[in-house]
């Protein structure tokens, strides 16, 4: 079955996340993303989820939906969207 997920190594994910969250640890891959590579990680403050894709459109949509309806719907807050060499990373609260 063809996968649409970004094919990157665990080490690549850790390096990109740690570039933005130096105290990130306890990485764990989650296989729930249909179109994104999804991993969870912890910082000293809280747990986060990292979504990795080649195209950022759905990340901006998720951020906009949270900003508009997040107070009324149980959806995770989008903390940041980053770009690294043509690959996009969205970090959300877990």
N, C-alpha and C. Protein backbone atom coordinates (compact mmCIF):
# COMPACT_ATOMS: atom_id res chain seq x y z
N UNK A 1 0.84 -1.18 0.00
CA UNK A 1 0.00 0.00 0.00
C UNK A 1 0.89 1.25 0.00
N UNK A 2 0.61 2.16 -0.87
CA UNK A 2 1.40 3.39 -0.97
C UNK A 2 1.17 4.27 0.24
N UNK A 3 2.25 4.80 0.77
CA UNK A 3 2.15 5.71 1.91
C UNK A 3 2.42 7.14 1.44
N UNK A 4 1.67 8.07 1.98
CA UNK A 4 1.85 9.48 1.65
C UNK A 4 2.66 10.20 2.73
N UNK A 5 3.07 9.45 3.75
CA UNK A 5 3.84 10.04 4.84
C UNK A 5 5.24 10.39 4.38
N UNK A 6 5.79 11.43 4.96
CA UNK A 6 7.18 11.80 4.70
C UNK A 6 8.08 10.69 5.25
N UNK A 7 8.96 10.18 4.43
CA UNK A 7 9.85 9.10 4.84
C UNK A 7 11.13 9.69 5.40
N UNK A 8 11.20 9.80 6.71
CA UNK A 8 12.38 10.33 7.39
C UNK A 8 12.73 9.40 8.55
N UNK A 9 13.97 9.43 8.95
CA UNK A 9 14.42 8.56 10.04
C UNK A 9 14.06 9.15 11.40
N UNK A 10 14.06 8.30 12.40
CA UNK A 10 13.84 8.75 13.78
C UNK A 10 14.89 9.78 14.18
N UNK A 11 16.13 9.58 13.75
CA UNK A 11 17.20 10.51 14.09
C UNK A 11 16.96 11.88 13.46
N UNK A 12 16.45 11.91 12.24
CA UNK A 12 16.15 13.17 11.56
C UNK A 12 15.07 13.92 12.33
N UNK A 13 14.02 13.21 12.72
CA UNK A 13 12.93 13.84 13.48
C UNK A 13 13.47 14.43 14.78
N UNK A 14 14.26 13.66 15.50
CA UNK A 14 14.83 14.15 16.77
C UNK A 14 15.69 15.40 16.55
N UNK A 15 16.49 15.38 15.52
CA UNK A 15 17.38 16.52 15.25
C UNK A 15 16.57 17.78 14.92
N UNK A 16 15.55 17.65 14.11
CA UNK A 16 14.73 18.81 13.74
C UNK A 16 13.97 19.33 14.95
N UNK A 17 13.37 18.45 15.70
CA UNK A 17 12.61 18.88 16.89
C UNK A 17 13.54 19.53 17.90
N UNK A 18 14.70 18.91 18.15
CA UNK A 18 15.63 19.47 19.13
C UNK A 18 16.22 20.80 18.68
N UNK A 19 16.21 21.07 17.38
CA UNK A 19 16.64 22.37 16.88
C UNK A 19 15.72 23.49 17.36
N UNK A 20 14.46 23.17 17.61
CA UNK A 20 13.48 24.14 18.08
C UNK A 20 13.15 23.97 19.56
N UNK A 21 13.31 22.76 20.08
CA UNK A 21 13.01 22.43 21.47
C UNK A 21 14.19 21.65 22.04
N UNK A 22 15.25 22.36 22.46
CA UNK A 22 16.49 21.68 22.88
C UNK A 22 16.31 20.69 24.03
N UNK A 23 15.30 20.90 24.87
CA UNK A 23 15.11 19.99 26.00
C UNK A 23 14.13 18.85 25.68
N UNK A 24 13.80 18.66 24.40
CA UNK A 24 12.89 17.58 24.00
C UNK A 24 13.53 16.22 24.29
N UNK A 25 12.70 15.31 24.78
CA UNK A 25 13.15 13.95 25.08
C UNK A 25 11.96 13.01 25.01
N UNK A 26 12.20 11.75 25.29
CA UNK A 26 11.16 10.71 25.30
C UNK A 26 10.35 10.70 24.00
N UNK A 27 11.05 10.63 22.87
CA UNK A 27 10.40 10.58 21.57
C UNK A 27 9.73 9.22 21.37
N UNK A 28 8.55 9.25 20.77
CA UNK A 28 7.85 8.01 20.45
C UNK A 28 7.07 8.23 19.16
N UNK A 29 7.27 7.35 18.21
CA UNK A 29 6.55 7.45 16.94
C UNK A 29 5.10 7.01 17.14
N UNK A 30 4.20 7.75 16.52
CA UNK A 30 2.78 7.43 16.56
C UNK A 30 2.35 7.17 15.12
N UNK A 31 1.68 6.07 14.89
CA UNK A 31 1.29 5.72 13.51
C UNK A 31 -0.16 6.10 13.22
N UNK A 32 -0.60 7.27 13.68
CA UNK A 32 -1.97 7.67 13.42
C UNK A 32 -2.09 8.60 12.22
N UNK A 33 -1.01 9.21 11.82
CA UNK A 33 -1.09 10.18 10.72
C UNK A 33 -1.26 9.50 9.38
N UNK A 34 -2.30 9.90 8.66
CA UNK A 34 -2.53 9.33 7.34
C UNK A 34 -1.61 9.95 6.30
N UNK A 35 -1.36 11.25 6.45
CA UNK A 35 -0.53 11.97 5.49
C UNK A 35 0.74 12.53 6.11
N UNK A 36 0.87 12.43 7.42
CA UNK A 36 2.01 13.00 8.12
C UNK A 36 2.75 11.94 8.91
N UNK A 37 4.03 12.13 9.05
CA UNK A 37 4.81 11.38 10.02
C UNK A 37 4.48 12.03 11.36
N UNK A 38 4.12 11.24 12.38
CA UNK A 38 3.69 11.79 13.66
C UNK A 38 4.50 11.16 14.78
N UNK A 39 5.07 12.03 15.64
CA UNK A 39 5.83 11.59 16.81
C UNK A 39 5.39 12.42 18.00
N UNK A 40 5.46 11.83 19.17
CA UNK A 40 5.24 12.60 20.38
C UNK A 40 6.58 12.79 21.08
N UNK A 41 6.68 13.87 21.85
CA UNK A 41 7.88 14.12 22.63
C UNK A 41 7.52 14.93 23.86
N UNK A 42 8.42 14.95 24.80
CA UNK A 42 8.21 15.67 26.05
C UNK A 42 9.28 16.74 26.20
N UNK A 43 8.89 17.84 26.80
CA UNK A 43 9.86 18.83 27.29
C UNK A 43 9.67 18.87 28.80
N UNK A 44 10.43 19.71 29.47
CA UNK A 44 10.28 19.81 30.92
C UNK A 44 8.89 20.33 31.30
N UNK A 45 8.26 21.09 30.39
CA UNK A 45 6.97 21.69 30.69
C UNK A 45 5.78 20.78 30.37
N UNK A 46 5.80 20.11 29.20
CA UNK A 46 4.61 19.35 28.79
C UNK A 46 4.90 18.42 27.63
N UNK A 47 3.85 17.70 27.23
CA UNK A 47 3.93 16.76 26.11
C UNK A 47 3.45 17.45 24.83
N UNK A 48 4.11 17.12 23.72
CA UNK A 48 3.78 17.68 22.42
C UNK A 48 3.70 16.58 21.37
N UNK A 49 3.10 16.92 20.25
CA UNK A 49 3.04 16.03 19.10
C UNK A 49 3.65 16.77 17.91
N UNK A 50 4.55 16.11 17.19
CA UNK A 50 5.19 16.67 16.00
C UNK A 50 4.63 15.98 14.77
N UNK A 51 4.12 16.76 13.84
CA UNK A 51 3.60 16.27 12.56
C UNK A 51 4.57 16.75 11.48
N UNK A 52 4.96 15.85 10.58
CA UNK A 52 5.94 16.18 9.55
C UNK A 52 5.34 15.87 8.18
N UNK A 53 5.38 16.88 7.30
CA UNK A 53 4.82 16.75 5.94
C UNK A 53 5.64 17.55 4.96
N UNK A 54 5.43 17.28 3.68
CA UNK A 54 6.08 18.06 2.64
C UNK A 54 5.30 19.31 2.28
N UNK A 55 4.02 19.36 2.64
CA UNK A 55 3.17 20.50 2.29
C UNK A 55 2.50 21.03 3.57
N UNK A 56 2.52 22.34 3.80
CA UNK A 56 2.05 22.88 5.08
C UNK A 56 0.58 23.28 5.14
N UNK A 57 -0.16 23.17 4.05
CA UNK A 57 -1.51 23.73 4.02
C UNK A 57 -2.39 23.24 5.16
N UNK A 58 -2.39 21.94 5.42
CA UNK A 58 -3.25 21.41 6.49
C UNK A 58 -2.79 21.89 7.87
N UNK A 59 -1.51 22.20 8.01
CA UNK A 59 -1.01 22.72 9.28
C UNK A 59 -1.59 24.10 9.55
N UNK A 60 -1.62 24.93 8.53
CA UNK A 60 -2.19 26.28 8.69
C UNK A 60 -3.69 26.19 8.94
N UNK A 61 -4.35 25.23 8.29
CA UNK A 61 -5.78 25.03 8.53
C UNK A 61 -6.02 24.59 9.97
N UNK A 62 -5.22 23.67 10.48
CA UNK A 62 -5.36 23.21 11.86
C UNK A 62 -5.16 24.37 12.84
N UNK A 63 -4.18 25.21 12.57
CA UNK A 63 -3.94 26.38 13.43
C UNK A 63 -5.13 27.33 13.40
N UNK A 64 -5.65 27.58 12.20
CA UNK A 64 -6.79 28.49 12.07
C UNK A 64 -8.04 27.94 12.75
N UNK A 65 -8.28 26.63 12.62
CA UNK A 65 -9.43 26.01 13.29
C UNK A 65 -9.28 26.11 14.80
N UNK A 66 -8.07 25.85 15.31
CA UNK A 66 -7.87 25.99 16.75
C UNK A 66 -8.11 27.43 17.19
N UNK A 67 -7.55 28.38 16.47
CA UNK A 67 -7.71 29.79 16.85
C UNK A 67 -9.17 30.22 16.83
N UNK A 68 -9.95 29.64 15.94
CA UNK A 68 -11.35 30.04 15.84
C UNK A 68 -12.28 29.28 16.78
N UNK A 69 -12.03 27.96 16.96
CA UNK A 69 -12.96 27.12 17.70
C UNK A 69 -12.35 26.42 18.91
N UNK A 70 -11.06 26.62 19.16
CA UNK A 70 -10.38 25.87 20.21
C UNK A 70 -10.97 26.02 21.59
N UNK A 71 -11.56 27.15 21.89
CA UNK A 71 -12.17 27.35 23.21
C UNK A 71 -13.43 26.51 23.37
N UNK A 72 -14.05 26.11 22.25
CA UNK A 72 -15.31 25.37 22.31
C UNK A 72 -15.20 23.91 21.92
N UNK A 73 -14.12 23.54 21.24
CA UNK A 73 -13.95 22.16 20.79
C UNK A 73 -12.70 21.54 21.40
N UNK A 74 -12.73 20.26 21.66
CA UNK A 74 -11.55 19.59 22.24
C UNK A 74 -10.50 19.25 21.18
N UNK A 75 -9.84 20.27 20.65
CA UNK A 75 -8.80 20.06 19.66
C UNK A 75 -7.49 20.61 20.20
N UNK A 76 -6.38 19.99 19.85
CA UNK A 76 -5.09 20.44 20.39
C UNK A 76 -4.65 21.79 19.83
N UNK A 77 -4.00 22.55 20.67
CA UNK A 77 -3.46 23.84 20.27
C UNK A 77 -2.24 23.65 19.38
N UNK A 78 -2.21 24.33 18.25
CA UNK A 78 -1.03 24.33 17.39
C UNK A 78 -0.05 25.35 17.98
N UNK A 79 1.10 24.86 18.42
CA UNK A 79 2.09 25.70 19.08
C UNK A 79 2.97 26.42 18.07
N UNK A 80 3.38 25.71 17.00
CA UNK A 80 4.29 26.31 16.02
C UNK A 80 4.27 25.51 14.73
N UNK A 81 4.62 26.21 13.66
CA UNK A 81 4.84 25.58 12.36
C UNK A 81 6.22 26.03 11.89
N UNK A 82 7.07 25.06 11.58
CA UNK A 82 8.44 25.35 11.16
C UNK A 82 8.70 24.73 9.79
N UNK A 83 9.64 25.29 9.07
CA UNK A 83 10.06 24.74 7.78
C UNK A 83 11.55 24.44 7.84
N UNK A 84 11.94 23.28 7.30
CA UNK A 84 13.35 22.90 7.26
C UNK A 84 13.61 22.22 5.92
N UNK A 85 14.32 22.90 5.04
CA UNK A 85 14.73 22.35 3.74
C UNK A 85 13.56 21.74 2.97
N UNK A 86 12.45 22.46 2.92
CA UNK A 86 11.30 21.99 2.15
C UNK A 86 10.39 21.01 2.85
N UNK A 87 10.67 20.71 4.09
CA UNK A 87 9.83 19.84 4.89
C UNK A 87 9.26 20.66 6.04
N UNK A 88 8.00 20.41 6.36
CA UNK A 88 7.31 21.22 7.37
C UNK A 88 7.04 20.41 8.63
N UNK A 89 7.16 21.09 9.75
CA UNK A 89 6.96 20.52 11.07
C UNK A 89 5.91 21.34 11.78
N UNK A 90 4.82 20.69 12.21
CA UNK A 90 3.84 21.35 13.06
C UNK A 90 3.91 20.72 14.44
N UNK A 91 4.01 21.56 15.45
CA UNK A 91 4.04 21.10 16.83
C UNK A 91 2.73 21.50 17.48
N UNK A 92 2.07 20.53 18.08
CA UNK A 92 0.82 20.80 18.79
C UNK A 92 0.90 20.23 20.20
N UNK A 93 0.04 20.75 21.06
CA UNK A 93 -0.05 20.17 22.40
C UNK A 93 -0.65 18.79 22.27
N UNK A 94 -0.27 17.92 23.20
CA UNK A 94 -0.80 16.56 23.17
C UNK A 94 -2.15 16.51 23.81
